[in-house]
Amino acid sequence: MMWSSTGAADSNYAEEASYCTDTCSVVIFGEAGAGKSSLVNLITKSNRAPTSCDTMGCTAETTMYEHEVLVKNQTLKVKLFDTPGLNEGSEGRVPDDEARKVLKHLLRKLKEQEDIHLLMYCVHYTKAVKALCRNYKLCSSEVSTRCPIVLVITGLEDKKPEMEEWWRNNEQSISQLNMTFAGHACVTALDIDEYATERLKLRHEQSHYAICKLIEECRARNKAKNIVIFGETGAGKSSLVNLMAGKEVAITSPDTQRCTMHWQEYTIDFHGEPYKVFDTVGLEETQLGIKEYLESVDNAYKLIKKLDAEGGVDLLLFCIRAGRLNTTIQSNYRLFHEFLCEKKVPIVLVITHLEREARMEDWWDRQQSTFEKTYGIRVADHACITAANRLDGRHKDRYEESRVTVRTLVEKFTVDDQKSLWAGGNSRFVSFMRKLKGFLPEPLDVKKKDIVSRLMQRCNLSPDVAKQLAQMIKQV
């Protein structure tokens, strides 16, 4: 398998665009001569992939190209797998049987590595729609339903009145043949030279954008939902992670770090959906001091940067232990719901250690007014549960009931994409740290040099950037 150098994103936007650390793997397949290699060049805006001017395939083996594309002001790393053309005769560069074996092997390997995000079916506009079924079935049978397949129709540079006309003419036939595509793009992948007309240049640019948009939409569809769990140490946050996951993935030892904003990240999966869970330590019952505030500086910076890179926050789970009602729960509520997420992310209250209640929901019936009237805490919903997975099975039924309750709420409040509402970046960090200072006892003051030192040593920031952020935090 060949490895190609990474192309750069459009320089005009590189400084303004946020950078996504995820990599989106795209497998491009289709008949020989359909324009797969030209499609690679269209995406990368280069001539790295060799192309042919006839219907004879020019890709003899699977070739992988790395590139960075810019969509919606975000730079996304992409791996493009250009595969040998299908349906070539025995005289072709790669006989059809061999090409199909190569494609199946690639799909199975990427599936095992959980490194396949999109299948791009490349077809030439002259191909009859009915003839598309065989190759579609080959690939759809090899991947799970969670891996989308999109259709890209090439050769439409002269289509009138516009390239999209092909889709309007053939959409019904595609549906009747039971081929389901997560998206489509009608494009031209012709090379552009100095003699190209303005109309062709425009269609070429439209085609590049349409393909990049398909890739971004597929990444968003496959991307795990981000859940931030917060609360005091001992509330049962790690046990809640294990409850949702259905297995032991989080450490539940009492020796876990207690410093403010310390966090652990876990990836879990249930009902076919991936979730990234950030198990986060909030404020403890004692008042926040200078030492704790400085500890939170680097933890908060890293967490906000991580959430920003992952696309934001979908859901807050506020975990408290039954019987532990104090003013700290109000502080934690404000810390995460108001300060971190600006009240823009749904929040669900999860009350743990209720296995001994006659009816777990009775606790909420007794305490609901206290949350709203005494502490000013208003949530989108709540869950009264036990996260105690006893080996002797004393609470087995209630444990399973709790798992269903929490999973149902998670699915309910992450069904719509809330991430676009969440703003990260340095401005969010500065705003968060300013507001966190409000929990400091008077007349203690945080020194600028201590913040600078923390950001430089723990977050590897340059002196200039660290000083700038520290100065902004100090300005009240």
Protein backbone atom coordinates (compact mmCIF):
# COMPACT_ATOMS: atom_id res chain seq x y z
CA MET A 1 0.00 0.00 0.00
CA MET A 2 1.58 3.31 -1.07
CA TRP A 3 1.88 6.23 1.34
CA SER A 4 1.66 9.74 -0.05
CA SER A 5 2.72 13.01 1.52
CA THR A 6 0.15 15.21 3.23
CA GLY A 7 -1.19 18.18 1.30
CA ALA A 8 -1.74 21.50 3.03
CA ALA A 9 -5.06 23.18 3.62
CA ASP A 10 -5.89 26.38 1.72
CA SER A 11 -3.41 28.93 3.03
CA ASN A 12 -5.87 31.84 2.87
CA TYR A 13 -7.91 30.28 5.65
CA ALA A 14 -5.33 28.27 7.59
CA GLU A 15 -4.77 30.85 10.31
CA GLU A 16 -8.49 31.34 10.98
CA ALA A 17 -9.53 27.71 10.80
CA SER A 18 -9.70 25.45 13.82
CA TYR A 19 -7.79 22.19 13.53
CA CYS A 20 -9.44 18.83 14.04
CA THR A 21 -7.15 16.09 15.35
CA ASP A 22 -9.40 13.31 14.07
CA THR A 23 -8.64 11.57 10.78
CA CYS A 24 -11.45 10.67 8.38
CA SER A 25 -10.75 7.56 6.27
CA VAL A 26 -12.47 7.53 2.87
CA VAL A 27 -12.48 4.50 0.57
CA ILE A 28 -13.10 5.42 -3.08
CA PHE A 29 -14.38 2.54 -5.23
CA GLY A 30 -16.03 2.06 -8.60
CA GLU A 31 -15.48 0.77 -12.12
CA ALA A 32 -12.27 1.23 -14.05
CA GLY A 33 -12.29 4.58 -15.84
CA ALA A 34 -15.00 6.09 -13.62
CA GLY A 35 -12.65 8.81 -12.44
CA LYS A 36 -11.56 7.60 -8.97
CA SER A 37 -7.99 8.88 -9.30
CA SER A 38 -9.24 12.13 -10.80
CA LEU A 39 -11.49 12.42 -7.76
CA VAL A 40 -8.44 12.15 -5.50
CA ASN A 41 -6.83 14.99 -7.45
CA LEU A 42 -10.01 17.04 -7.21
CA ILE A 43 -10.08 16.68 -3.42
CA THR A 44 -6.37 17.33 -2.94
CA LYS A 45 -6.22 20.06 -5.62
CA SER A 46 -3.14 18.37 -7.08
CA ASN A 47 -2.02 15.87 -9.71
CA ARG A 48 -0.61 13.32 -7.28
CA ALA A 49 -2.80 10.46 -8.45
CA PRO A 50 -1.95 9.20 -11.97
CA THR A 51 -4.94 9.27 -14.30
CA SER A 52 -5.86 7.77 -17.67
CA CYS A 53 -7.65 9.38 -20.59
CA ASP A 54 -9.48 6.16 -21.51
CA THR A 55 -11.61 3.54 -19.76
CA MET A 56 -8.62 1.38 -18.91
CA GLY A 57 -7.89 1.43 -15.19
CA CYS A 58 -4.67 3.11 -14.10
CA THR A 59 -4.65 2.09 -10.40
CA ALA A 60 -3.02 -1.32 -10.06
CA GLU A 61 -3.15 -1.51 -6.25
CA THR A 62 -4.77 0.26 -3.35
CA THR A 63 -3.06 3.63 -2.93
CA MET A 64 -3.50 5.81 0.13
CA TYR A 65 -3.17 9.59 0.03
CA GLU A 66 -3.15 11.88 3.07
CA HIS A 67 -4.53 15.36 2.81
CA GLU A 68 -6.10 18.19 4.80
CA VAL A 69 -9.37 19.72 3.64
CA LEU A 70 -11.04 22.90 4.84
CA VAL A 71 -14.79 22.81 5.40
CA LYS A 72 -16.86 25.15 7.56
CA ASN A 73 -13.70 26.92 8.72
CA GLN A 74 -12.28 23.70 10.11
CA THR A 75 -9.22 21.84 8.88
CA LEU A 76 -9.84 18.09 8.72
CA LYS A 77 -7.24 15.37 8.18
CA VAL A 78 -8.32 12.90 5.50
CA LYS A 79 -6.96 9.54 4.33
CA LEU A 80 -8.10 8.73 0.78
CA PHE A 81 -7.91 5.10 -0.37
CA ASP A 82 -7.87 4.88 -4.19
CA THR A 83 -8.75 1.28 -5.11
CA PRO A 84 -8.28 -0.74 -8.34
CA GLY A 85 -11.11 -0.36 -10.84
CA LEU A 86 -13.87 -2.96 -10.84
CA ASN A 87 -15.44 -4.70 -13.83
CA GLU A 88 -12.31 -4.79 -15.97
CA GLY A 89 -11.98 -7.77 -18.26
CA SER A 90 -9.21 -10.35 -18.08
CA GLU A 91 -7.02 -8.13 -20.27
CA GLY A 92 -7.24 -5.16 -17.90
CA ARG A 93 -4.52 -4.02 -15.49
CA VAL A 94 -6.32 -5.77 -12.62
CA PRO A 95 -8.85 -8.49 -13.52
CA ASP A 96 -12.26 -7.99 -11.96
CA ASP A 97 -12.02 -10.99 -9.60
CA GLU A 98 -8.68 -9.77 -8.26
CA ALA A 99 -9.92 -6.17 -7.88
CA ARG A 100 -12.90 -7.37 -5.85
CA LYS A 101 -10.66 -9.44 -3.58
CA VAL A 102 -8.40 -6.43 -3.00
CA LEU A 103 -11.38 -4.21 -2.16
CA LYS A 104 -12.91 -6.76 0.23
CA HIS A 105 -9.57 -7.25 2.00
CA LEU A 106 -9.15 -3.48 2.44
CA LEU A 107 -12.67 -3.00 3.82
CA ARG A 108 -12.31 -5.88 6.28
CA LYS A 109 -8.90 -4.67 7.46
CA LEU A 110 -10.11 -1.10 8.01
CA LYS A 111 -13.25 -2.36 9.71
CA GLU A 112 -11.19 -4.44 12.15
CA GLN A 113 -9.08 -1.38 12.93
CA GLU A 114 -12.23 0.76 13.27
CA ASP A 115 -10.63 3.05 10.71
CA ILE A 116 -13.28 3.41 8.03
CA HIS A 117 -15.64 6.37 8.01
CA LEU A 118 -16.96 6.77 4.48
CA LEU A 119 -17.38 4.78 1.26
CA MET A 120 -17.39 6.93 -1.86
CA TYR A 121 -18.93 5.16 -4.88
CA CYS A 122 -17.54 6.84 -8.00
CA VAL A 123 -19.49 6.35 -11.24
CA HIS A 124 -19.37 7.98 -14.67
CA TYR A 125 -22.58 9.68 -15.73
CA THR A 126 -22.86 7.46 -18.83
CA LYS A 127 -23.26 4.32 -16.71
CA ALA A 128 -26.81 2.95 -16.54
CA VAL A 129 -28.28 3.22 -13.05
CA LYS A 130 -29.31 -0.44 -12.97
CA ALA A 131 -25.68 -1.47 -13.53
CA LEU A 132 -24.63 0.23 -10.29
CA CYS A 133 -26.25 -2.42 -8.07
CA ARG A 134 -23.55 -5.10 -8.22
CA ASN A 135 -20.72 -2.92 -6.91
CA TYR A 136 -23.03 -1.26 -4.38
CA LYS A 137 -24.02 -4.62 -2.91
CA LEU A 138 -20.39 -5.74 -2.77
CA CYS A 139 -19.40 -2.87 -0.49
CA SER A 140 -22.60 -2.46 1.53
CA SER A 141 -22.38 -6.13 2.54
CA GLU A 142 -18.83 -5.65 3.88
CA VAL A 143 -19.42 -2.69 6.20
CA SER A 144 -21.86 -1.93 8.99
CA THR A 145 -24.88 0.29 8.47
CA ARG A 146 -23.08 2.98 10.50
CA CYS A 147 -20.54 3.48 7.71
CA PRO A 148 -22.24 5.72 5.15
CA ILE A 149 -21.98 5.24 1.40
CA VAL A 150 -22.17 8.29 -0.83
CA LEU A 151 -22.54 8.43 -4.61
CA VAL A 152 -20.27 10.67 -6.70
CA ILE A 153 -21.17 11.07 -10.36
CA THR A 154 -18.32 12.28 -12.58
CA GLY A 155 -17.99 13.61 -16.12
CA LEU A 156 -20.73 16.23 -15.77
CA GLU A 157 -18.71 19.26 -16.89
CA ASP A 158 -21.03 19.78 -19.90
CA LYS A 159 -24.32 18.85 -18.22
CA LYS A 160 -27.05 21.46 -18.79
CA PRO A 161 -28.50 23.42 -17.19
CA GLU A 162 -26.45 22.31 -14.19
CA MET A 163 -24.60 19.21 -12.95
CA GLU A 164 -27.27 18.44 -10.32
CA GLU A 165 -29.71 17.66 -13.15
CA TRP A 166 -28.29 14.11 -13.31
CA TRP A 167 -29.45 13.39 -9.77
CA ARG A 168 -32.93 14.76 -10.33
CA ASN A 169 -33.30 12.53 -13.38
CA ASN A 170 -32.10 9.35 -11.66
CA GLU A 171 -32.98 9.67 -7.95
CA GLN A 172 -36.25 7.73 -8.25
CA SER A 173 -34.63 4.84 -10.16
CA ILE A 174 -31.89 4.58 -7.52
CA SER A 175 -34.48 4.39 -4.76
CA GLN A 176 -36.51 1.74 -6.61
CA LEU A 177 -33.36 -0.42 -6.88
CA ASN A 178 -33.02 -0.32 -3.06
CA MET A 179 -29.71 1.54 -3.14
CA THR A 180 -29.47 3.88 -0.16
CA PHE A 181 -26.90 6.66 -0.20
CA ALA A 182 -26.13 8.99 2.69
CA GLY A 183 -25.41 11.76 0.20
CA HIS A 184 -24.40 12.49 -3.37
CA ALA A 185 -22.34 14.90 -5.45
CA CYS A 186 -22.60 15.63 -9.17
CA VAL A 187 -19.15 16.78 -10.24
CA THR A 188 -16.50 17.29 -12.83
CA ALA A 189 -13.06 15.97 -12.01
CA LEU A 190 -11.34 17.17 -15.17
CA ASP A 191 -7.88 18.65 -14.75
CA ILE A 192 -7.85 22.43 -14.95
CA ASP A 193 -5.16 24.15 -17.02
CA GLU A 194 -4.54 27.67 -18.30
CA TYR A 195 -6.86 27.08 -21.26
CA ALA A 196 -9.88 26.09 -19.17
CA THR A 197 -13.00 28.23 -19.56
CA GLU A 198 -14.36 30.27 -16.65
CA ARG A 199 -17.44 28.05 -16.62
CA LEU A 200 -15.30 24.92 -16.23
CA LYS A 201 -13.20 26.55 -13.53
CA LEU A 202 -16.36 27.46 -11.63
CA ARG A 203 -17.78 23.94 -11.92
CA HIS A 204 -14.44 22.48 -10.83
CA GLU A 205 -14.46 24.66 -7.69
CA GLN A 206 -18.10 23.75 -7.00
CA SER A 207 -17.18 20.07 -7.34
CA HIS A 208 -14.27 20.38 -4.89
CA TYR A 209 -16.53 22.01 -2.31
CA ALA A 210 -19.31 19.45 -2.81
CA ILE A 211 -16.95 16.52 -2.18
CA CYS A 212 -15.36 18.13 0.88
CA LYS A 213 -18.83 18.83 2.25
CA LEU A 214 -19.75 15.14 1.87
CA ILE A 215 -16.63 14.16 3.82
CA GLU A 216 -17.38 16.64 6.61
CA GLU A 217 -21.01 15.53 6.88
CA CYS A 218 -19.96 11.91 7.13
CA ARG A 219 -17.41 12.75 9.84
CA ALA A 220 -20.06 14.58 11.84
CA ARG A 221 -22.44 11.64 11.45
CA ASN A 222 -19.87 9.15 12.71
CA LYS A 223 -18.42 11.36 15.40
CA ALA A 224 -18.96 10.29 18.97
CA LYS A 225 -21.25 12.42 21.11
CA ASN A 226 -19.39 14.17 23.93
CA ILE A 227 -20.69 13.82 27.48
CA VAL A 228 -19.19 15.70 30.43
CA ILE A 229 -19.86 14.13 33.83
CA PHE A 230 -19.16 16.35 36.83
CA GLY A 231 -19.67 16.38 40.59
CA GLU A 232 -17.80 15.94 43.85
CA THR A 233 -15.39 13.08 44.50
CA GLY A 234 -17.34 10.08 45.82
CA ALA A 235 -20.55 10.98 44.01
CA GLY A 236 -20.22 7.88 41.81
CA LYS A 237 -19.11 9.45 38.52
CA SER A 238 -16.76 6.62 37.53
CA SER A 239 -19.38 4.04 38.49
CA LEU A 240 -21.84 5.95 36.31
CA VAL A 241 -19.43 5.61 33.35
CA ASN A 242 -19.28 1.83 33.92
CA LEU A 243 -23.06 1.66 34.26
CA MET A 244 -23.54 3.30 30.86
CA ALA A 245 -20.80 1.24 29.21
CA GLY A 246 -22.13 -2.06 30.55
CA LYS A 247 -18.61 -3.04 31.63
CA GLU A 248 -15.71 -1.87 33.78
CA VAL A 249 -13.91 0.85 31.84
CA ALA A 250 -13.37 3.49 34.55
CA ILE A 251 -11.34 3.23 37.73
CA THR A 252 -13.59 3.50 40.78
CA SER A 253 -10.81 3.65 43.38
CA PRO A 254 -11.11 6.33 46.10
CA ASP A 255 -7.47 7.22 45.37
CA THR A 256 -8.36 9.02 42.12
CA GLN A 257 -7.11 12.61 41.91
CA ARG A 258 -9.29 15.18 43.65
CA CYS A 259 -7.88 18.36 42.07
CA THR A 260 -10.43 20.71 40.51
CA MET A 261 -11.11 20.16 36.79
CA HIS A 262 -8.98 17.01 36.65
CA TRP A 263 -10.55 14.68 34.06
CA GLN A 264 -10.37 11.24 32.51
CA GLU A 265 -11.65 10.40 29.04
CA TYR A 266 -13.45 7.17 28.15
CA THR A 267 -14.96 5.91 24.90
CA ILE A 268 -18.08 3.81 25.28
CA ASP A 269 -20.66 2.40 22.89
CA PHE A 270 -24.26 1.32 23.33
CA HIS A 271 -27.16 0.75 20.95
CA GLY A 272 -24.74 1.21 18.06
CA GLU A 273 -23.79 4.79 18.98
CA PRO A 274 -20.32 5.94 20.15
CA TYR A 275 -19.89 8.33 23.07
CA LYS A 276 -16.87 10.04 24.56
CA VAL A 277 -17.30 10.52 28.28
CA PHE A 278 -15.23 13.05 30.23
CA ASP A 279 -15.25 12.10 33.92
CA THR A 280 -14.46 15.46 35.53
CA VAL A 281 -13.73 16.52 39.10
CA GLY A 282 -15.63 19.65 40.11
CA LEU A 283 -15.40 21.69 43.28
CA GLU A 284 -15.12 19.89 46.58
CA GLU A 285 -17.07 20.81 49.71
CA THR A 286 -14.28 22.98 51.09
CA GLN A 287 -13.91 26.46 49.61
CA LEU A 288 -11.61 26.90 46.63
CA GLY A 289 -8.16 28.24 47.52
CA ILE A 290 -5.21 29.61 45.59
CA LYS A 291 -3.56 26.19 45.30
CA GLU A 292 -6.73 24.58 43.96
CA TYR A 293 -7.32 27.46 41.57
CA LEU A 294 -3.84 27.15 40.09
CA GLU A 295 -4.33 23.38 39.75
CA SER A 296 -7.49 24.08 37.78
CA VAL A 297 -5.67 26.41 35.34
CA ASP A 298 -3.89 23.72 33.34
CA ASN A 299 -6.68 21.15 33.78
CA ALA A 300 -9.31 23.58 32.49
CA TYR A 301 -7.13 24.70 29.59
CA LYS A 302 -6.49 21.12 28.44
CA LEU A 303 -10.15 20.11 28.85
CA ILE A 304 -11.49 23.07 26.89
CA LYS A 305 -8.93 22.53 24.12
CA LYS A 306 -9.83 18.84 23.97
CA LEU A 307 -13.58 19.49 23.83
CA ASP A 308 -12.99 22.15 21.20
CA ALA A 309 -11.00 19.71 19.05
CA GLU A 310 -13.76 17.10 19.47
CA GLY A 311 -16.44 19.53 18.31
CA GLY A 312 -17.96 20.66 21.61
CA VAL A 313 -20.27 19.31 24.30
CA ASP A 314 -23.51 17.40 23.68
CA LEU A 315 -24.65 16.69 27.23
CA LEU A 316 -23.83 17.47 30.87
CA LEU A 317 -24.47 14.79 33.51
CA PHE A 318 -24.48 16.30 37.01
CA CYS A 319 -23.75 13.44 39.38
CA ILE A 320 -24.54 13.80 43.10
CA ARG A 321 -24.77 11.32 45.95
CA ALA A 322 -28.10 11.05 47.75
CA GLY A 323 -27.84 12.68 51.18
CA ARG A 324 -25.04 15.08 50.17
CA LEU A 325 -26.93 18.33 49.71
CA ASN A 326 -24.78 21.38 50.34
CA THR A 327 -23.88 24.71 48.77
CA THR A 328 -21.10 23.02 46.77
CA ILE A 329 -23.66 21.41 44.47
CA GLN A 330 -24.85 24.89 43.52
CA SER A 331 -21.25 25.96 42.86
CA ASN A 332 -20.63 22.93 40.65
CA TYR A 333 -23.86 23.54 38.78
CA ARG A 334 -22.81 27.09 38.00
CA LEU A 335 -19.23 26.05 37.24
CA PHE A 336 -20.19 23.66 34.45
CA HIS A 337 -23.67 24.65 33.30
CA GLU A 338 -23.25 28.44 33.42
CA PHE A 339 -19.51 29.07 33.19
CA LEU A 340 -18.26 26.22 30.96
CA CYS A 341 -21.32 25.77 28.74
CA GLU A 342 -23.10 29.14 29.07
CA LYS A 343 -26.44 27.37 29.67
CA LYS A 344 -26.38 26.24 26.03
CA VAL A 345 -26.00 22.48 26.67
CA PRO A 346 -28.74 20.26 28.18
CA ILE A 347 -28.02 19.11 31.73
CA VAL A 348 -29.35 15.96 33.40
CA LEU A 349 -29.13 15.40 37.16
CA VAL A 350 -28.11 11.85 38.18
CA ILE A 351 -28.65 10.94 41.84
CA THR A 352 -26.71 7.84 42.95
CA HIS A 353 -26.72 5.44 45.97
CA LEU A 354 -30.49 5.02 46.00
CA GLU A 355 -30.49 1.22 46.11
CA ARG A 356 -32.01 1.20 49.59
CA GLU A 357 -34.97 3.41 48.75
CA ALA A 358 -38.32 1.61 48.63
CA ARG A 359 -38.77 3.28 45.26
CA MET A 360 -35.77 5.15 43.89
CA GLU A 361 -37.93 7.90 42.36
CA ASP A 362 -39.30 8.73 45.85
CA TRP A 363 -36.07 10.59 46.61
CA TRP A 364 -36.70 13.08 43.79
CA ASP A 365 -40.32 13.58 44.86
CA ARG A 366 -39.02 14.67 48.28
CA GLN A 367 -36.11 16.80 47.13
CA GLN A 368 -37.10 18.41 43.82
CA SER A 369 -38.32 21.66 45.38
CA THR A 370 -35.05 21.96 47.36
CA PHE A 371 -33.01 21.95 44.17
CA GLU A 372 -35.14 24.57 42.49
CA LYS A 373 -36.02 26.89 45.40
CA THR A 374 -32.96 26.58 47.66
CA TYR A 375 -30.15 26.13 45.14
CA GLY A 376 -31.66 27.55 41.94
CA ILE A 377 -30.79 24.35 40.06
CA ARG A 378 -32.99 23.62 37.06
CA VAL A 379 -32.27 20.62 34.87
CA ALA A 380 -33.65 19.19 31.64
CA ASP A 381 -34.35 15.87 33.37
CA HIS A 382 -33.13 13.60 36.18
CA ALA A 383 -32.35 9.95 36.96
CA CYS A 384 -32.63 8.31 40.37
CA ILE A 385 -30.32 5.29 40.22
CA THR A 386 -27.92 2.90 41.83
CA ALA A 387 -24.50 2.48 40.27
CA ALA A 388 -23.48 -0.12 42.85
CA ASN A 389 -22.73 -3.26 40.83
CA ARG A 390 -22.61 -5.70 43.77
CA LEU A 391 -20.88 -9.00 43.12
CA ASP A 392 -23.45 -10.77 45.28
CA GLY A 393 -26.25 -9.53 43.05
CA ARG A 394 -28.29 -7.85 45.80
CA HIS A 395 -29.06 -4.87 43.60
CA LYS A 396 -28.86 -6.55 40.20
CA ASP A 397 -32.42 -5.69 39.12
CA ARG A 398 -32.12 -2.07 40.19
CA TYR A 399 -28.70 -1.80 38.58
CA GLU A 400 -30.07 -2.94 35.23
CA GLU A 401 -33.08 -0.65 35.66
CA SER A 402 -30.67 2.23 36.29
CA ARG A 403 -28.66 1.40 33.18
CA VAL A 404 -31.80 1.58 31.02
CA THR A 405 -32.85 4.86 32.65
CA VAL A 406 -29.50 6.59 32.12
CA ARG A 407 -28.99 5.30 28.58
CA THR A 408 -32.49 6.42 27.61
CA LEU A 409 -31.82 9.94 28.88
CA VAL A 410 -28.44 10.09 27.14
CA GLU A 411 -30.00 9.09 23.82
CA LYS A 412 -32.89 11.51 24.34
CA PHE A 413 -30.71 14.56 24.92
CA THR A 414 -27.98 13.84 22.37
CA VAL A 415 -30.27 13.11 19.43
CA ASP A 416 -29.91 16.69 18.15
CA ASP A 417 -26.49 18.21 17.54
CA GLN A 418 -25.87 20.73 20.34
CA LYS A 419 -22.16 21.10 19.62
CA SER A 420 -22.58 24.06 17.30
CA LEU A 421 -23.93 26.02 20.28
CA TRP A 422 -20.79 25.50 22.36
CA ALA A 423 -17.92 27.94 21.98
CA GLY A 424 -14.42 26.81 22.97
CA GLY A 425 -11.03 28.36 22.32
CA ASN A 426 -8.92 30.71 24.41
CA SER A 427 -11.81 33.12 24.96
CA ARG A 428 -13.84 30.37 26.65
CA PHE A 429 -10.83 29.44 28.82
CA VAL A 430 -10.26 33.04 29.89
CA SER A 431 -13.94 33.59 30.66
CA PHE A 432 -14.10 30.33 32.63
CA MET A 433 -11.05 31.14 34.76
CA ARG A 434 -12.28 34.66 35.49
CA LYS A 435 -15.58 33.34 36.79
CA LEU A 436 -13.88 30.57 38.74
CA LYS A 437 -11.96 33.29 40.61
CA GLY A 438 -15.28 34.27 42.14
CA PHE A 439 -15.05 31.18 44.35
CA LEU A 440 -11.78 32.39 45.90
CA PRO A 441 -11.98 33.71 49.48
CA GLU A 442 -11.17 37.37 49.98
CA PRO A 443 -8.70 39.01 50.11
CA LEU A 444 -6.52 36.35 48.48
CA ASP A 445 -5.36 37.15 44.97
CA VAL A 446 -3.93 35.03 42.19
CA LYS A 447 -0.58 36.27 40.91
CA LYS A 448 -0.15 36.65 37.17
CA LYS A 449 3.31 35.06 37.25
CA ASP A 450 1.87 31.90 38.83
CA ILE A 451 -0.71 31.55 36.05
CA VAL A 452 1.98 32.14 33.42
CA SER A 453 4.23 29.51 34.98
CA ARG A 454 1.40 27.00 35.10
CA LEU A 455 0.44 27.51 31.46
CA MET A 456 4.04 27.29 30.28
CA GLN A 457 5.03 24.22 32.29
CA ARG A 458 1.82 22.17 32.14
CA CYS A 459 0.35 23.23 28.80
CA ASN A 460 3.55 23.87 26.83
CA LEU A 461 2.48 27.38 25.87
CA SER A 462 5.03 29.93 24.75
CA PRO A 463 5.88 32.72 27.22
CA ASP A 464 4.12 35.32 25.08
CA VAL A 465 0.88 33.38 24.78
CA ALA A 466 0.91 32.40 28.48
CA LYS A 467 1.45 36.04 29.52
CA GLN A 468 -1.32 37.22 27.24
CA LEU A 469 -3.84 34.71 28.63
CA ALA A 470 -2.79 35.41 32.22
CA GLN A 471 -3.20 39.15 31.68
CA MET A 472 -6.68 38.63 30.25
CA ILE A 473 -7.64 36.46 33.24
CA LYS A 474 -6.40 39.13 35.67
CA GLN A 475 -8.46 41.86 34.04
CA VAL A 476 -11.74 42.11 35.91
